[in-house]
Every structure is written in structure tokens, then in C-alpha cells.
Amino acid sequence: MPSVRESAAVAICICLLGAGATGCSTTQEKAAAKQLESEQILKARAKRQAAKKNHHHAKSKSKGEK
């Protein structure tokens, strides 16, 4: 499973390819918006994974205390 950093790098590359070297400003604006959206999605995913991991860890800990 790729890390958040690797996923972000892939998303940035895709955005840059979409913008093209001589793209117009509207294409660049769309790429920037897509990049921001990708970053937000990846941050939310990382947050959910961390919460799930912490929840699982806390659940395991409480089971051990019984």
C-alpha cells in the first residue's frame, strides 16, 4: 500500500501532466484545483487511517486489561 507521500507525489505528477508545458491559464487553474482536491482527499484518508489505528490500539489495550 503506497504511503500518503507517494500518493501525493503521484497526484502532483498527474496534475502537472494534465496542465502541460504550454497549457493555458484555465488548464493550469483546473490542475491546481485538482491538486488541492487530491491533497485534501489524501489528508482525510490519512486522518481516517490514523483514527482507525488509534481506535484499534485502544480497543486491544482495553481487552488486555480485563
Protein backbone atom coordinates (compact mmCIF):
# COMPACT_ATOMS: atom_id res chain seq x y z
CA MET A 1 0.00 0.00 0.00
CA PRO A 2 1.60 3.30 -1.05
CA SER A 3 2.26 5.89 1.60
CA VAL A 4 0.46 9.22 1.71
CA ARG A 5 3.63 10.95 0.50
CA GLU A 6 3.91 8.60 -2.51
CA SER A 7 0.23 9.04 -3.33
CA ALA A 8 0.59 12.82 -3.15
CA ALA A 9 3.60 12.69 -5.47
CA VAL A 10 1.62 10.64 -7.99
CA ALA A 11 -1.31 13.06 -7.78
CA ILE A 12 1.01 16.02 -8.36
CA CYS A 13 2.61 14.32 -11.37
CA ILE A 14 -0.81 13.64 -12.87
CA CYS A 15 -1.81 17.26 -12.36
CA LEU A 16 1.38 18.50 -13.96
CA LEU A 17 0.92 16.20 -16.94
CA GLY A 18 -2.65 17.42 -17.28
CA ALA A 19 -1.56 21.05 -17.24
CA GLY A 20 1.05 20.52 -19.95
CA ALA A 21 4.15 22.57 -20.51
CA THR A 22 2.37 25.28 -22.53
CA GLY A 23 -1.14 24.94 -21.11
CA CYS A 24 -3.43 27.93 -20.89
CA SER A 25 -4.25 29.56 -17.57
CA THR A 26 -7.63 27.82 -17.32
CA THR A 27 -5.95 24.44 -17.65
CA GLN A 28 -3.41 25.46 -15.02
CA GLU A 29 -6.20 26.63 -12.74
CA LYS A 30 -8.04 23.34 -13.18
CA ALA A 31 -4.84 21.43 -12.42
CA ALA A 32 -4.23 23.50 -9.29
CA ALA A 33 -7.80 22.85 -8.14
CA LYS A 34 -7.41 19.12 -8.80
CA GLN A 35 -4.11 19.10 -6.91
CA LEU A 36 -5.72 20.81 -3.93
CA GLU A 37 -8.61 18.35 -4.04
CA SER A 38 -6.18 15.41 -4.19
CA GLU A 39 -4.23 16.75 -1.22
CA GLN A 40 -7.42 17.16 0.80
CA ILE A 41 -8.53 13.63 -0.05
CA LEU A 42 -5.14 12.22 0.95
CA LYS A 43 -5.10 14.18 4.22
CA ALA A 44 -8.61 12.99 5.08
CA ARG A 45 -7.62 9.40 4.25
CA ALA A 46 -4.51 9.63 6.44
CA LYS A 47 -6.61 11.06 9.28
CA ARG A 48 -9.15 8.21 8.98
CA GLN A 49 -6.39 5.61 8.93
CA ALA A 50 -4.74 7.16 12.00
CA ALA A 51 -8.07 7.28 13.83
CA LYS A 52 -8.79 3.68 12.89
CA LYS A 53 -5.32 2.62 14.05
CA ASN A 54 -5.69 4.51 17.34
CA HIS A 55 -9.17 3.09 17.89
CA HIS A 56 -7.93 -0.44 17.22
CA HIS A 57 -4.95 0.09 19.54
CA ALA A 58 -7.17 1.43 22.34
CA LYS A 59 -9.61 -1.45 21.88
CA SER A 60 -6.81 -4.02 22.11
CA LYS A 61 -5.43 -2.31 25.19
CA SER A 62 -8.81 -2.36 26.98
CA LYS A 63 -9.28 -6.06 26.16
CA GLY A 64 -5.91 -6.83 27.75
CA GLU A 65 -6.90 -5.08 30.96
CA LYS A 66 -9.96 -7.30 31.57
